[in-house]
Each structure stands twice: as structure tokens, then as C-alpha cells.
Amino acid sequence: MIETIQKTRAVQTATEPAWLLCRDCRQPLYLPRFVHDLRVCEQRSWHGAMTASERLDHLFDPGSRTDLTARSAVDDPLGVVDVRPYRDRLYAARAGTGLVDGAVGATGKRRAGDIRA
């Protein structure tokens, strides 16, 4: 069993374990059920991490979500000076998240109504 849920996914591969331990109550959680329950432990209501994309998927009706595209961001518009160059931090964050910016937006439908998030 694993003790963290850093990168849980709804789709399990042969190398990923099917179980994990709740960080709060230490009870084993079946990964597909945990993901289905929006990454919340049934025993103690501990909440696991969820990506912005996963949250948007749960907000909108299936198949209705359209991501808003971000304009190309400037690498360092303020000329920030630090121990590690801001540009390097920015590139590392983009590589780690796969996102261009720190915010994600989408449009879609929820129960036949149009919404933006």
C-alpha cells in the first residue's frame, strides 16, 4: 500500500497500486472508489488533492466543458530578482503542471444552464 496520493488517477495501470492509506485515519482506501468519491475519505472526511482540471470536470455536465485558452504569457514582466531566476522558476512550474498560467478557466453547461468557471 502507499501512504500518499500525490498523483492518483481514475485509470489504473498495472504498475499503480489499487489501494492507498488515508492520511488522517490510516484506513485503506480503494483507489477507484476514492476517485469516484471526489477524493474524500468516507471514514473521516479527509480530502485528498484534486487538480483544477478534475474539479472543472465535476463542475460541468459530461461533454459540455470547453477550456478557455490563455494568451501567451511574458516570462518575467517585472524583472524579479531572487536567488534563483524567476524565469527558471516559471519554466519549472510550467513543466511540472503542464499549464501555461496559474489559473484555469472553462465554459460549459450545468443542468442545461451556461456557466463559466
PDB file of N, CA and C in Angstrom:
ATOM      1  N   MET A   1       0.837  -1.193   0.000  1.00  0.00           N
ATOM      2  CA  MET A   1       0.000   0.000   0.000  1.00  0.00           C
ATOM      3  C   MET A   1       0.870   1.240   0.000  1.00  0.00           C
ATOM      4  N   ILE A   2       0.319   2.344  -0.502  1.00  0.00           N
ATOM      5  CA  ILE A   2       1.064   3.589  -0.481  1.00  0.00           C
ATOM      6  C   ILE A   2       0.453   4.514   0.554  1.00  0.00           C
ATOM      7  N   GLU A   3       1.213   5.459   1.023  1.00  0.00           N
ATOM      8  CA  GLU A   3       0.739   6.360   2.056  1.00  0.00           C
ATOM      9  C   GLU A   3       0.404   7.751   1.542  1.00  0.00           C
ATOM     10  N   THR A   4       0.728   8.049   0.306  1.00  0.00           N
ATOM     11  CA  THR A   4       0.423   9.367  -0.225  1.00  0.00           C
ATOM     12  C   THR A   4      -0.429   9.230  -1.475  1.00  0.00           C
ATOM     13  N   ILE A   5      -1.076  10.323  -1.824  1.00  0.00           N
ATOM     14  CA  ILE A   5      -1.901  10.323  -3.034  1.00  0.00           C
ATOM     15  C   ILE A   5      -1.488  11.468  -3.930  1.00  0.00           C
ATOM     16  N   GLN A   6      -0.210  11.645  -4.081  1.00  0.00           N
ATOM     17  CA  GLN A   6       0.302  12.746  -4.877  1.00  0.00           C
ATOM     18  C   GLN A   6      -0.269  12.743  -6.287  1.00  0.00           C
ATOM     19  N   LYS A   7      -0.336  11.574  -6.928  1.00  0.00           N
ATOM     20  CA  LYS A   7      -0.791  11.530  -8.317  1.00  0.00           C
ATOM     21  C   LYS A   7      -1.778  10.388  -8.508  1.00  0.00           C
ATOM     22  N   THR A   8      -2.919  10.453  -7.835  1.00  0.00           N
ATOM     23  CA  THR A   8      -3.931   9.436  -8.033  1.00  0.00           C
ATOM     24  C   THR A   8      -4.648   9.706  -9.345  1.00  0.00           C
ATOM     25  N   ARG A   9      -5.074   8.648 -10.004  1.00  0.00           N
ATOM     26  CA  ARG A   9      -5.775   8.781 -11.283  1.00  0.00           C
ATOM     27  C   ARG A   9      -6.986   7.864 -11.286  1.00  0.00           C
ATOM     28  N   ALA A  10      -7.963   8.228 -12.096  1.00  0.00           N
ATOM     29  CA  ALA A  10      -9.140   7.398 -12.221  1.00  0.00           C
ATOM     30  C   ALA A  10      -8.821   6.115 -12.975  1.00  0.00           C
ATOM     31  N   VAL A  11      -7.852   6.158 -13.856  1.00  0.00           N
ATOM     32  CA  VAL A  11      -7.481   4.982 -14.643  1.00  0.00           C
ATOM     33  C   VAL A  11      -6.260   4.337 -13.994  1.00  0.00           C
ATOM     34  N   GLN A  12      -6.380   3.082 -13.668  1.00  0.00           N
ATOM     35  CA  GLN A  12      -5.294   2.379 -13.002  1.00  0.00           C
ATOM     36  C   GLN A  12      -4.493   1.580 -14.014  1.00  0.00           C
ATOM     37  N   THR A  13      -3.183   1.664 -13.911  1.00  0.00           N
ATOM     38  CA  THR A  13      -2.329   0.863 -14.772  1.00  0.00           C
ATOM     39  C   THR A  13      -1.790  -0.307 -13.974  1.00  0.00           C
ATOM     40  N   ALA A  14      -1.097  -1.207 -14.637  1.00  0.00           N
ATOM     41  CA  ALA A  14      -0.583  -2.401 -13.978  1.00  0.00           C
ATOM     42  C   ALA A  14       0.442  -2.057 -12.907  1.00  0.00           C
ATOM     43  N   THR A  15       1.123  -0.927 -13.003  1.00  0.00           N
ATOM     44  CA  THR A  15       2.152  -0.574 -12.030  1.00  0.00           C
ATOM     45  C   THR A  15       1.611   0.257 -10.870  1.00  0.00           C
ATOM     46  N   GLU A  16       0.403   0.780 -10.964  1.00  0.00           N
ATOM     47  CA  GLU A  16      -0.168   1.586  -9.894  1.00  0.00           C
ATOM     48  C   GLU A  16      -0.928   0.711  -8.909  1.00  0.00           C
ATOM     49  N   PRO A  17      -0.752   0.949  -7.612  1.00  0.00           N
ATOM     50  CA  PRO A  17      -1.489   0.160  -6.623  1.00  0.00           C
ATOM     51  C   PRO A  17      -2.975   0.520  -6.621  1.00  0.00           C
ATOM     52  N   ALA A  18      -3.811  -0.419  -6.252  1.00  0.00           N
ATOM     53  CA  ALA A  18      -5.249  -0.200  -6.220  1.00  0.00           C
ATOM     54  C   ALA A  18      -5.700   0.368  -4.881  1.00  0.00           C
ATOM     55  N   TRP A  19      -4.807   0.443  -3.907  1.00  0.00           N
ATOM     56  CA  TRP A  19      -5.151   0.894  -2.560  1.00  0.00           C
ATOM     57  C   TRP A  19      -4.200   1.984  -2.104  1.00  0.00           C
ATOM     58  N   LEU A  20      -4.674   2.839  -1.205  1.00  0.00           N
ATOM     59  CA  LEU A  20      -3.834   3.828  -0.560  1.00  0.00           C
ATOM     60  C   LEU A  20      -4.337   4.018   0.864  1.00  0.00           C
ATOM     61  N   LEU A  21      -3.541   4.641   1.712  1.00  0.00           N
ATOM     62  CA  LEU A  21      -3.925   4.875   3.098  1.00  0.00           C
ATOM     63  C   LEU A  21      -4.386   6.311   3.279  1.00  0.00           C
ATOM     64  N   CYS A  22      -5.484   6.478   4.005  1.00  0.00           N
ATOM     65  CA  CYS A  22      -5.964   7.814   4.351  1.00  0.00           C
ATOM     66  C   CYS A  22      -4.912   8.461   5.255  1.00  0.00           C
ATOM     67  N   ARG A  23      -4.567   9.695   4.991  1.00  0.00           N
ATOM     68  CA  ARG A  23      -3.565  10.384   5.803  1.00  0.00           C
ATOM     69  C   ARG A  23      -4.081  10.705   7.197  1.00  0.00           C
ATOM     70  N   ASP A  24      -5.393  10.720   7.373  1.00  0.00           N
ATOM     71  CA  ASP A  24      -5.978  11.082   8.660  1.00  0.00           C
ATOM     72  C   ASP A  24      -6.230   9.856   9.539  1.00  0.00           C
ATOM     73  N   CYS A  25      -7.037   8.907   9.049  1.00  0.00           N
ATOM     74  CA  CYS A  25      -7.423   7.754   9.870  1.00  0.00           C
ATOM     75  C   CYS A  25      -6.587   6.500   9.599  1.00  0.00           C
ATOM     76  N   ARG A  26      -5.740   6.534   8.553  1.00  0.00           N
ATOM     77  CA  ARG A  26      -4.842   5.439   8.188  1.00  0.00           C
ATOM     78  C   ARG A  26      -5.597   4.191   7.713  1.00  0.00           C
ATOM     79  N   GLN A  27      -6.852   4.326   7.346  1.00  0.00           N
ATOM     80  CA  GLN A  27      -7.620   3.210   6.812  1.00  0.00           C
ATOM     81  C   GLN A  27      -7.307   3.050   5.327  1.00  0.00           C
ATOM     82  N   PRO A  28      -7.279   1.816   4.839  1.00  0.00           N
ATOM     83  CA  PRO A  28      -7.041   1.620   3.403  1.00  0.00           C
ATOM     84  C   PRO A  28      -8.243   2.102   2.584  1.00  0.00           C
ATOM     85  N   LEU A  29      -7.946   2.761   1.484  1.00  0.00           N
ATOM     86  CA  LEU A  29      -8.981   3.266   0.572  1.00  0.00           C
ATOM     87  C   LEU A  29      -8.765   2.641  -0.795  1.00  0.00           C
ATOM     88  N   TYR A  30      -9.839   2.132  -1.381  1.00  0.00           N
ATOM     89  CA  TYR A  30      -9.775   1.566  -2.722  1.00  0.00           C
ATOM     90  C   TYR A  30      -9.736   2.726  -3.704  1.00  0.00           C
ATOM     91  N   LEU A  31      -8.656   2.817  -4.474  1.00  0.00           N
ATOM     92  CA  LEU A  31      -8.394   3.981  -5.313  1.00  0.00           C
ATOM     93  C   LEU A  31      -9.540   4.345  -6.261  1.00  0.00           C
ATOM     94  N   PRO A  32     -10.106   3.412  -7.037  1.00  0.00           N
ATOM     95  CA  PRO A  32     -11.213   3.807  -7.919  1.00  0.00           C
ATOM     96  C   PRO A  32     -12.407   4.388  -7.152  1.00  0.00           C
ATOM     97  N   ARG A  33     -12.697   3.842  -5.972  1.00  0.00           N
ATOM     98  CA  ARG A  33     -13.807   4.361  -5.164  1.00  0.00           C
ATOM     99  C   ARG A  33     -13.462   5.749  -4.616  1.00  0.00           C
ATOM    100  N   PHE A  34     -12.226   5.920  -4.165  1.00  0.00           N
ATOM    101  CA  PHE A  34     -11.757   7.192  -3.636  1.00  0.00           C
ATOM    102  C   PHE A  34     -11.869   8.290  -4.696  1.00  0.00           C
ATOM    103  N   VAL A  35     -11.464   7.981  -5.930  1.00  0.00           N
ATOM    104  CA  VAL A  35     -11.573   8.942  -7.027  1.00  0.00           C
ATOM    105  C   VAL A  35     -13.039   9.243  -7.329  1.00  0.00           C
ATOM    106  N   HIS A  36     -13.879   8.222  -7.347  1.00  0.00           N
ATOM    107  CA  HIS A  36     -15.313   8.398  -7.591  1.00  0.00           C
ATOM    108  C   HIS A  36     -15.952   9.291  -6.526  1.00  0.00           C
ATOM    109  N   ASP A  37     -15.477   9.174  -5.283  1.00  0.00           N
ATOM    110  CA  ASP A  37     -15.997   9.971  -4.170  1.00  0.00           C
ATOM    111  C   ASP A  37     -15.322  11.337  -4.062  1.00  0.00           C
ATOM    112  N   LEU A  38     -14.764  11.810  -5.153  1.00  0.00           N
ATOM    113  CA  LEU A  38     -14.105  13.118  -5.238  1.00  0.00           C
ATOM    114  C   LEU A  38     -12.944  13.241  -4.266  1.00  0.00           C
ATOM    115  N   ARG A  39     -12.238  12.124  -4.067  1.00  0.00           N
ATOM    116  CA  ARG A  39     -11.039  12.069  -3.226  1.00  0.00           C
ATOM    117  C   ARG A  39     -11.323  12.466  -1.777  1.00  0.00           C
ATOM    118  N   VAL A  40     -12.418  11.962  -1.244  1.00  0.00           N
ATOM    119  CA  VAL A  40     -12.793  12.205   0.152  1.00  0.00           C
ATOM    120  C   VAL A  40     -12.896  10.863   0.858  1.00  0.00           C
ATOM    121  N   CYS A  41     -12.235  10.729   2.014  1.00  0.00           N
ATOM    122  CA  CYS A  41     -12.310   9.510   2.818  1.00  0.00           C
ATOM    123  C   CYS A  41     -13.678   9.424   3.477  1.00  0.00           C
ATOM    124  N   GLU A  42     -14.337   8.287   3.343  1.00  0.00           N
ATOM    125  CA  GLU A  42     -15.671   8.098   3.930  1.00  0.00           C
ATOM    126  C   GLU A  42     -15.641   8.093   5.452  1.00  0.00           C
ATOM    127  N   GLN A  43     -14.545   7.626   6.038  1.00  0.00           N
ATOM    128  CA  GLN A  43     -14.462   7.480   7.487  1.00  0.00           C
ATOM    129  C   GLN A  43     -14.313   8.818   8.211  1.00  0.00           C
ATOM    130  N   ARG A  44     -13.390   9.655   7.742  1.00  0.00           N
ATOM    131  CA  ARG A  44     -13.063  10.878   8.475  1.00  0.00           C
ATOM    132  C   ARG A  44     -13.232  12.145   7.649  1.00  0.00           C
ATOM    133  N   SER A  45     -13.727  12.016   6.442  1.00  0.00           N
ATOM    134  CA  SER A  45     -13.940  13.160   5.545  1.00  0.00           C
ATOM    135  C   SER A  45     -12.651  13.904   5.214  1.00  0.00           C
ATOM    136  N   TRP A  46     -11.521  13.175   5.231  1.00  0.00           N
ATOM    137  CA  TRP A  46     -10.259  13.774   4.803  1.00  0.00           C
ATOM    138  C   TRP A  46     -10.312  13.964   3.299  1.00  0.00           C
ATOM    139  N   HIS A  47      -9.868  15.103   2.820  1.00  0.00           N
ATOM    140  CA  HIS A  47      -9.892  15.431   1.400  1.00  0.00           C
ATOM    141  C   HIS A  47      -8.506  15.303   0.794  1.00  0.00           C
ATOM    142  N   GLY A  48      -8.389  14.534  -0.261  1.00  0.00           N
ATOM    143  CA  GLY A  48      -7.147  14.403  -0.996  1.00  0.00           C
ATOM    144  C   GLY A  48      -7.035  15.483  -2.057  1.00  0.00           C
ATOM    145  N   ALA A  49      -5.865  15.609  -2.626  1.00  0.00           N
ATOM    146  CA  ALA A  49      -5.611  16.627  -3.642  1.00  0.00           C
ATOM    147  C   ALA A  49      -6.352  16.318  -4.941  1.00  0.00           C
ATOM    148  N   MET A  50      -6.814  17.365  -5.591  1.00  0.00           N
ATOM    149  CA  MET A  50      -7.514  17.246  -6.871  1.00  0.00           C
ATOM    150  C   MET A  50      -7.004  18.366  -7.778  1.00  0.00           C
ATOM    151  N   THR A  51      -6.751  18.057  -9.026  1.00  0.00           N
ATOM    152  CA  THR A  51      -6.269  19.080  -9.952  1.00  0.00           C
ATOM    153  C   THR A  51      -7.402  20.020 -10.348  1.00  0.00           C
ATOM    154  N   ALA A  52      -7.034  21.175 -10.869  1.00  0.00           N
ATOM    155  CA  ALA A  52      -8.035  22.132 -11.347  1.00  0.00           C
ATOM    156  C   ALA A  52      -8.879  21.516 -12.455  1.00  0.00           C
ATOM    157  N   SER A  53      -8.241  20.753 -13.321  1.00  0.00           N
ATOM    158  CA  SER A  53      -8.960  20.112 -14.417  1.00  0.00           C
ATOM    159  C   SER A  53      -9.993  19.107 -13.885  1.00  0.00           C
ATOM    160  N   GLU A  54      -9.614  18.347 -12.868  1.00  0.00           N
ATOM    161  CA  GLU A  54     -10.562  17.387 -12.275  1.00  0.00           C
ATOM    162  C   GLU A  54     -11.736  18.107 -11.621  1.00  0.00           C
ATOM    163  N   ARG A  55     -11.468  19.224 -10.956  1.00  0.00           N
ATOM    164  CA  ARG A  55     -12.558  19.995 -10.338  1.00  0.00           C
ATOM    165  C   ARG A  55     -13.522  20.520 -11.405  1.00  0.00           C
ATOM    166  N   LEU A  56     -12.983  21.019 -12.505  1.00  0.00           N
ATOM    167  CA  LEU A  56     -13.843  21.512 -13.571  1.00  0.00           C
ATOM    168  C   LEU A  56     -14.664  20.382 -14.185  1.00  0.00           C
ATOM    169  N   ASP A  57     -14.063  19.202 -14.319  1.00  0.00           N
ATOM    170  CA  ASP A  57     -14.805  18.051 -14.843  1.00  0.00           C
ATOM    171  C   ASP A  57     -16.024  17.734 -13.988  1.00  0.00           C
ATOM    172  N   HIS A  58     -15.891  17.880 -12.681  1.00  0.00           N
ATOM    173  CA  HIS A  58     -17.018  17.598 -11.780  1.00  0.00           C
ATOM    174  C   HIS A  58     -18.033  18.726 -11.750  1.00  0.00           C
ATOM    175  N   LEU A  59     -17.599  19.925 -12.096  1.00  0.00           N
ATOM    176  CA  LEU A  59     -18.497  21.073 -12.085  1.00  0.00           C
ATOM    177  C   LEU A  59     -19.467  21.061 -13.264  1.00  0.00           C
ATOM    178  N   PHE A  60     -18.957  20.724 -14.441  1.00  0.00           N
ATOM    179  CA  PHE A  60     -19.768  20.778 -15.655  1.00  0.00           C
ATOM    180  C   PHE A  60     -20.409  19.439 -15.977  1.00  0.00           C
ATOM    181  N   ASP A  61     -21.488  19.495 -16.754  1.00  0.00           N
ATOM    182  CA  ASP A  61     -22.102  18.270 -17.267  1.00  0.00           C
ATOM    183  C   ASP A  61     -21.107  17.576 -18.191  1.00  0.00           C
ATOM    184  N   PRO A  62     -21.124  16.235 -18.229  1.00  0.00           N
ATOM    185  CA  PRO A  62     -20.180  15.500 -19.087  1.00  0.00           C
ATOM    186  C   PRO A  62     -20.268  15.937 -20.548  1.00  0.00           C
ATOM    187  N   GLY A  63     -19.102  16.181 -21.148  1.00  0.00           N
ATOM    188  CA  GLY A  63     -19.026  16.543 -22.558  1.00  0.00           C
ATOM    189  C   GLY A  63     -19.315  17.989 -22.880  1.00  0.00           C
ATOM    190  N   SER A  64     -19.648  18.806 -21.882  1.00  0.00           N
ATOM    191  CA  SER A  64     -20.005  20.196 -22.187  1.00  0.00           C
ATOM    192  C   SER A  64     -18.876  21.182 -21.894  1.00  0.00           C
ATOM    193  N   ARG A  65     -17.797  20.735 -21.301  1.00  0.00           N
ATOM    194  CA  ARG A  65     -16.702  21.624 -20.901  1.00  0.00           C
ATOM    195  C   ARG A  65     -15.841  22.035 -22.092  1.00  0.00           C
ATOM    196  N   THR A  66     -15.565  23.335 -22.187  1.00  0.00           N
ATOM    197  CA  THR A  66     -14.641  23.879 -23.170  1.00  0.00           C
ATOM    198  C   THR A  66     -13.643  24.756 -22.426  1.00  0.00           C
ATOM    199  N   ASP A  67     -12.364  24.391 -22.477  1.00  0.00           N
ATOM    200  CA  ASP A  67     -11.338  25.164 -21.789  1.00  0.00           C
ATOM    201  C   ASP A  67     -11.129  26.499 -22.477  1.00  0.00           C
ATOM    202  N   LEU A  68     -10.914  27.538 -21.680  1.00  0.00           N
ATOM    203  CA  LEU A  68     -10.576  28.854 -22.213  1.00  0.00           C
ATOM    204  C   LEU A  68      -9.074  28.864 -22.477  1.00  0.00           C
ATOM    205  N   THR A  69      -8.682  29.364 -23.605  1.00  0.00           N
ATOM    206  CA  THR A  69      -7.264  29.386 -23.938  1.00  0.00           C
ATOM    207  C   THR A  69      -6.623  30.635 -23.353  1.00  0.00           C
ATOM    208  N   ALA A  70      -5.426  30.447 -22.821  1.00  0.00           N
ATOM    209  CA  ALA A  70      -4.692  31.564 -22.237  1.00  0.00           C
ATOM    210  C   ALA A  70      -3.805  32.212 -23.294  1.00  0.00           C
ATOM    211  N   ARG A  71      -3.678  33.505 -23.202  1.00  0.00           N
ATOM    212  CA  ARG A  71      -2.747  34.191 -24.085  1.00  0.00           C
ATOM    213  C   ARG A  71      -1.326  33.827 -23.677  1.00  0.00           C
ATOM    214  N   SER A  72      -0.427  33.906 -24.595  1.00  0.00           N
ATOM    215  CA  SER A  72       0.964  33.611 -24.311  1.00  0.00           C
ATOM    216  C   SER A  72       1.481  34.582 -23.247  1.00  0.00           C
ATOM    217  N   ALA A  73       1.970  34.033 -22.140  1.00  0.00           N
ATOM    218  CA  ALA A  73       2.428  34.857 -21.029  1.00  0.00           C
ATOM    219  C   ALA A  73       3.860  35.326 -21.246  1.00  0.00           C
ATOM    220  N   VAL A  74       4.157  36.498 -20.719  1.00  0.00           N
ATOM    221  CA  VAL A  74       5.517  37.025 -20.741  1.00  0.00           C
ATOM    222  C   VAL A  74       6.297  36.291 -19.661  1.00  0.00           C
ATOM    223  N   ASP A  75       7.548  35.951 -19.938  1.00  0.00           N
ATOM    224  CA  ASP A  75       8.339  35.161 -18.998  1.00  0.00           C
ATOM    225  C   ASP A  75       8.639  35.870 -17.687  1.00  0.00           C
ATOM    226  N   ASP A  76       8.954  37.140 -17.714  1.00  0.00           N
ATOM    227  CA  ASP A  76       9.283  37.875 -16.497  1.00  0.00           C
ATOM    228  C   ASP A  76       8.996  39.354 -16.700  1.00  0.00           C
ATOM    229  N   PRO A  77       7.720  39.746 -16.676  1.00  0.00           N
ATOM    230  CA  PRO A  77       7.376  41.129 -16.996  1.00  0.00           C
ATOM    231  C   PRO A  77       7.884  42.144 -15.977  1.00  0.00           C
ATOM    232  N   LEU A  78       8.130  41.732 -14.740  1.00  0.00           N
ATOM    233  CA  LEU A  78       8.556  42.671 -13.701  1.00  0.00           C
ATOM    234  C   LEU A  78      10.059  42.668 -13.464  1.00  0.00           C
ATOM    235  N   GLY A  79      10.780  41.748 -14.074  1.00  0.00           N
ATOM    236  CA  GLY A  79      12.223  41.661 -13.860  1.00  0.00           C
ATOM    237  C   GLY A  79      12.572  41.262 -12.434  1.00  0.00           C
ATOM    238  N   VAL A  80      11.885  40.274 -11.877  1.00  0.00           N
ATOM    239  CA  VAL A  80      12.085  39.830 -10.499  1.00  0.00           C
ATOM    240  C   VAL A  80      13.502  39.286 -10.316  1.00  0.00           C
ATOM    241  N   VAL A  81      14.130  39.719  -9.225  1.00  0.00           N
ATOM    242  CA  VAL A  81      15.477  39.254  -8.890  1.00  0.00           C
ATOM    243  C   VAL A  81      15.387  38.442  -7.609  1.00  0.00           C
ATOM    244  N   ASP A  82      15.982  37.250  -7.618  1.00  0.00           N
ATOM    245  CA  ASP A  82      15.950  36.367  -6.460  1.00  0.00           C
ATOM    246  C   ASP A  82      17.167  35.461  -6.529  1.00  0.00           C
ATOM    247  N   VAL A  83      17.303  34.566  -5.567  1.00  0.00           N
ATOM    248  CA  VAL A  83      18.417  33.619  -5.566  1.00  0.00           C
ATOM    249  C   VAL A  83      18.381  32.765  -6.817  1.00  0.00           C
ATOM    250  N   ARG A  84      17.207  32.347  -7.192  1.00  0.00           N
ATOM    251  CA  ARG A  84      17.004  31.569  -8.415  1.00  0.00           C
ATOM    252  C   ARG A  84      16.212  32.441  -9.386  1.00  0.00           C
ATOM    253  N   PRO A  85      16.661  32.588 -10.601  1.00  0.00           N
ATOM    254  CA  PRO A  85      15.950  33.457 -11.539  1.00  0.00           C
ATOM    255  C   PRO A  85      14.471  33.070 -11.692  1.00  0.00           C
ATOM    256  N   TYR A  86      13.629  34.093 -11.719  1.00  0.00           N
ATOM    257  CA  TYR A  86      12.188  33.876 -11.831  1.00  0.00           C
ATOM    258  C   TYR A  86      11.846  33.087 -13.093  1.00  0.00           C
ATOM    259  N   ARG A  87      12.540  33.385 -14.154  1.00  0.00           N
ATOM    260  CA  ARG A  87      12.299  32.689 -15.418  1.00  0.00           C
ATOM    261  C   ARG A  87      12.499  31.176 -15.251  1.00  0.00           C
ATOM    262  N   ASP A  88      13.531  30.769 -14.496  1.00  0.00           N
ATOM    263  CA  ASP A  88      13.768  29.341 -14.235  1.00  0.00           C
ATOM    264  C   ASP A  88      12.647  28.740 -13.411  1.00  0.00           C
ATOM    265  N   ARG A  89      12.193  29.492 -12.409  1.00  0.00           N
ATOM    266  CA  ARG A  89      11.068  29.013 -11.580  1.00  0.00           C
ATOM    267  C   ARG A  89       9.807  28.839 -12.431  1.00  0.00           C
ATOM    268  N   LEU A  90       9.591  29.791 -13.298  1.00  0.00           N
ATOM    269  CA  LEU A  90       8.417  29.753 -14.164  1.00  0.00           C
ATOM    270  C   LEU A  90       8.464  28.554 -15.111  1.00  0.00           C
ATOM    271  N   TYR A  91       9.608  28.316 -15.724  1.00  0.00           N
ATOM    272  CA  TYR A  91       9.749  27.172 -16.623  1.00  0.00           C
ATOM    273  C   TYR A  91       9.541  25.859 -15.866  1.00  0.00           C
ATOM    274  N   ALA A  92      10.077  25.765 -14.650  1.00  0.00           N
ATOM    275  CA  ALA A  92       9.920  24.551 -13.842  1.00  0.00           C
ATOM    276  C   ALA A  92       8.449  24.331 -13.468  1.00  0.00           C
ATOM    277  N   ALA A  93       7.753  25.399 -13.119  1.00  0.00           N
ATOM    278  CA  ALA A  93       6.336  25.285 -12.764  1.00  0.00           C
ATOM    279  C   ALA A  93       5.507  24.867 -13.981  1.00  0.00           C
ATOM    280  N   ARG A  94       5.793  25.441 -15.121  1.00  0.00           N
ATOM    281  CA  ARG A  94       5.073  25.072 -16.340  1.00  0.00           C
ATOM    282  C   ARG A  94       5.333  23.620 -16.717  1.00  0.00           C
ATOM    283  N   ALA A  95       6.578  23.179 -16.565  1.00  0.00           N
ATOM    284  CA  ALA A  95       6.903  21.786 -16.888  1.00  0.00           C
ATOM    285  C   ALA A  95       6.234  20.826 -15.908  1.00  0.00           C
ATOM    286  N   GLY A  96       6.169  21.205 -14.640  1.00  0.00           N
ATOM    287  CA  GLY A  96       5.584  20.341 -13.620  1.00  0.00           C
ATOM    288  C   GLY A  96       4.070  20.224 -13.691  1.00  0.00           C
ATOM    289  N   THR A  97       3.404  21.301 -14.111  1.00  0.00           N
ATOM    290  CA  THR A  97       1.938  21.285 -14.144  1.00  0.00           C
ATOM    291  C   THR A  97       1.368  21.049 -15.531  1.00  0.00           C
ATOM    292  N   GLY A  98       2.147  21.368 -16.553  1.00  0.00           N
ATOM    293  CA  GLY A  98       1.632  21.279 -17.910  1.00  0.00           C
ATOM    294  C   GLY A  98       0.740  22.457 -18.263  1.00  0.00           C
ATOM    295  N   LEU A  99       0.685  23.455 -17.399  1.00  0.00           N
ATOM    296  CA  LEU A  99      -0.138  24.638 -17.624  1.00  0.00           C
ATOM    297  C   LEU A  99       0.731  25.825 -17.982  1.00  0.00           C
ATOM    298  N   VAL A 100       0.150  26.783 -18.686  1.00  0.00           N
ATOM    299  CA  VAL A 100       0.868  27.989 -19.073  1.00  0.00           C
ATOM    300  C   VAL A 100       0.777  29.036 -17.973  1.00  0.00           C
ATOM    301  N   ASP A 101      -0.335  29.053 -17.252  1.00  0.00           N
ATOM    302  CA  ASP A 101      -0.582  30.086 -16.260  1.00  0.00           C
ATOM    303  C   ASP A 101      -1.018  29.464 -14.943  1.00  0.00           C
ATOM    304  N   GLY A 102      -1.176  30.280 -13.916  1.00  0.00           N
ATOM    305  CA  GLY A 102      -1.556  29.805 -12.594  1.00  0.00           C
ATOM    306  C   GLY A 102      -3.056  29.660 -12.408  1.00  0.00           C
ATOM    307  N   ALA A 103      -3.830  29.960 -13.421  1.00  0.00           N
ATOM    308  CA  ALA A 103      -5.282  29.840 -13.334  1.00  0.00           C
ATOM    309  C   ALA A 103      -5.807  29.088 -14.555  1.00  0.00           C
ATOM    310  N   VAL A 104      -6.907  28.381 -14.355  1.00  0.00           N
ATOM    311  CA  VAL A 104      -7.537  27.618 -15.426  1.00  0.00           C
ATOM    312  C   VAL A 104      -8.986  28.069 -15.526  1.00  0.00           C
ATOM    313  N   GLY A 105      -9.458  28.283 -16.723  1.00  0.00           N
ATOM    314  CA  GLY A 105     -10.844  28.689 -16.922  1.00  0.00           C
ATOM    315  C   GLY A 105     -11.524  27.811 -17.948  1.00  0.00           C
ATOM    316  N   ALA A 106     -12.846  27.720 -17.846  1.00  0.00           N
ATOM    317  CA  ALA A 106     -13.614  26.908 -18.786  1.00  0.00           C
ATOM    318  C   ALA A 106     -15.052  27.407 -18.842  1.00  0.00           C
ATOM    319  N   THR A 107     -15.724  27.051 -19.903  1.00  0.00           N
ATOM    320  CA  THR A 107     -17.161  27.291 -20.027  1.00  0.00           C
ATOM    321  C   THR A 107     -17.825  25.944 -20.248  1.00  0.00           C
ATOM    322  N   GLY A 108     -19.095  25.888 -19.946  1.00  0.00           N
ATOM    323  CA  GLY A 108     -19.819  24.647 -20.145  1.00  0.00           C
ATOM    324  C   GLY A 108     -21.242  24.760 -19.652  1.00  0.00           C
ATOM    325  N   LYS A 109     -21.876  23.630 -19.529  1.00  0.00           N
ATOM    326  CA  LYS A 109     -23.265  23.593 -19.084  1.00  0.00           C
ATOM    327  C   LYS A 109     -23.377  22.815 -17.774  1.00  0.00           C
ATOM    328  N   ARG A 110     -24.317  23.246 -16.964  1.00  0.00           N
ATOM    329  CA  ARG A 110     -24.657  22.552 -15.734  1.00  0.00           C
ATOM    330  C   ARG A 110     -26.167  22.536 -15.648  1.00  0.00           C
ATOM    331  N   ARG A 111     -26.735  21.351 -15.823  1.00  0.00           N
ATOM    332  CA  ARG A 111     -28.197  21.191 -15.797  1.00  0.00           C
ATOM    333  C   ARG A 111     -28.868  22.151 -16.770  1.00  0.00           C
ATOM    334  N   ALA A 112     -28.342  22.161 -17.999  1.00  0.00           N
ATOM    335  CA  ALA A 112     -28.891  22.938 -19.110  1.00  0.00           C
ATOM    336  C   ALA A 112     -28.657  24.444 -19.020  1.00  0.00           C
ATOM    337  N   GLY A 113     -27.935  24.911 -18.018  1.00  0.00           N
ATOM    338  CA  GLY A 113     -27.604  26.324 -17.917  1.00  0.00           C
ATOM    339  C   GLY A 113     -26.160  26.558 -18.281  1.00  0.00           C
ATOM    340  N   ASP A 114     -25.868  27.689 -18.921  1.00  0.00           N
ATOM    341  CA  ASP A 114     -24.492  28.019 -19.287  1.00  0.00           C
ATOM    342  C   ASP A 114     -23.786  28.624 -18.085  1.00  0.00           C
ATOM    343  N   ILE A 115     -22.556  28.167 -17.823  1.00  0.00           N
ATOM    344  CA  ILE A 115     -21.765  28.735 -16.741  1.00  0.00           C
ATOM    345  C   ILE A 115     -20.317  28.886 -17.171  1.00  0.00           C
ATOM    346  N   ARG A 116     -19.614  29.751 -16.455  1.00  0.00           N
ATOM    347  CA  ARG A 116     -18.174  29.941 -16.658  1.00  0.00           C
ATOM    348  C   ARG A 116     -17.501  29.774 -15.312  1.00  0.00           C
ATOM    349  N   ALA A 117     -16.327  29.151 -15.347  1.00  0.00           N
ATOM    350  CA  ALA A 117     -15.582  28.955 -14.091  1.00  0.00           C
ATOM    351  C   ALA A 117     -14.120  29.215 -14.334  1.00  0.00           C
TER     352      ALA A 117
END
